[in-house]
Amino acid sequence: MFRIGDVAIANQVALAPMAGVTDKAFRIIAKSCGCGWVCTEMISDMGLVFGQSRTHRIADTRGEERPVMVQIFGSNPATMGQAAAIVADQGADIIDINMGCPTPKIVKNGEGAALMLDPPRCRDIIRSVVKTVRVPVTVKMRKGWDEARSNCLELAQMAEQEGIAAITLHPRTRMQFFAGKADWAMIKAMKELVSIPVIGSGDIRSAADARQMISFTGCDAVMLGRACLGNPFLIRETVQLLTNGRVIPPPTQKERIDTAIRHLELAIEFKGEWVAVREMRKQLAWYVKGRPGASEMRSQLNQASSKAELLGILQSSLL
C-alpha cells in the first residue's frame, strides 16, 4: 500500500498525464491493467474557471475506479486556486500542479516548465492551491529549465514547506524535452532531501527499469509515460514485478488486439464515433507497432473514417 496524503493507493505504479492520450478511455484501460493511480491530461486553469465545455469534459472522472489524479496548469495563483476548487468539487482524489510541460505553446505563457524559472510564483501557486482544497496536492516537475538552472531540489524543499503531499520528478531539463538520458541521480538526491513521497519518472521502458529506478534512487513510486503508448500491458508487468516479484509473459497478439478494440469502444462511448475514430487512429497505430505488416496497417488505420473500418483492420490482423 502506498499513500499520497490521506489517499491510500494499491501499489507503486502510476500512469503519467499525457496530453491527447490519457483521456477517460485510456485511464480505464490502465486501471484494468492494475495501475495504482491514473492522471488526467493536463487541464487549463482558465478553461475550468471560464467554463469551457471541452476543458470540463477532459476533467470528467465520473464512474472511474479511484483514485484519480487531476492535473491542472496555469501561471496565475488566483485562477489556479479556483481551478483546483472546481476539480475537487467534481471528485478529484489528488490534484497535481504541472511545473514540467516543455511544449512551446505552454512555456511561452509562463506555464509548465517555465514556472521553474520563477520560484516565487511557484510558491504563490502552491500556496493558493493547497489552502483552497482539502484533497492532497502534488507537483510534477523537471530537473530544471536547463543544466545551468537545474533547481528542482530547491523547489522540492519549498514545495514540502508549503504543504505539497508528494513530488513527481522527470529528471530531464526543459531544454532536453525527451532527448538524452534522464538523470536518475537527481531523483535519488531529491528523495534524500525531502520527507514527502518522491515519484520517479523518465526512461522506464520495462518493468525491470522500474525496479532498477526504485533500487537506485529509493523513490517511493514510479510513473509510467510514453512506454505505455499502445502498451498498457507494461503497467501490469510492472505491478507484478514490484508487488510480487513475478516476471509475467507479454500479452499475446490476440490480447493486444482485443484491448485495442476495447479502447476504441470506450472512446466511442465517451466521445461519439466521429470524434473517437479520428482521435483513436494514432492510439491504434501504437497497438500494432512492431508486428509484421505494421506499416501497412498504420496507413489503413490513418485513413479509416468509421468504427466498422477500424474494427475490420484490427480483426484482419488476427487472421
Foldseek 3Di string as FASTA:
>chain_A
DDDQVPDDWDDQEEADADPLAPAQLNQQLLVVLPGREYEFHEAELVCQVVVPPVRVLSLQPPPHDDDYEYEYKDQDQQSLLVSLLRSVVNPHQEYEYACADLDPVAVVRCMHVSVLVPLVSVLSNLLSNPVRDDHAYEYEHELHQAPVGRCVLVSLVSSVVSRHREYEYQHDHSVCNQDDARDLVVLLVNVVRDDHAYEYEHDCQALVSQVVSCVVRVGDHYYDYPSCQLPSNRSNQNRCCVPPVDHDDGDDLVVSLVSLLSSLVVQCVSPNWQVSLQSCLRSVLSNLPPPPPSVVLSVQSNPDRGSVSNNVSSVVVVD
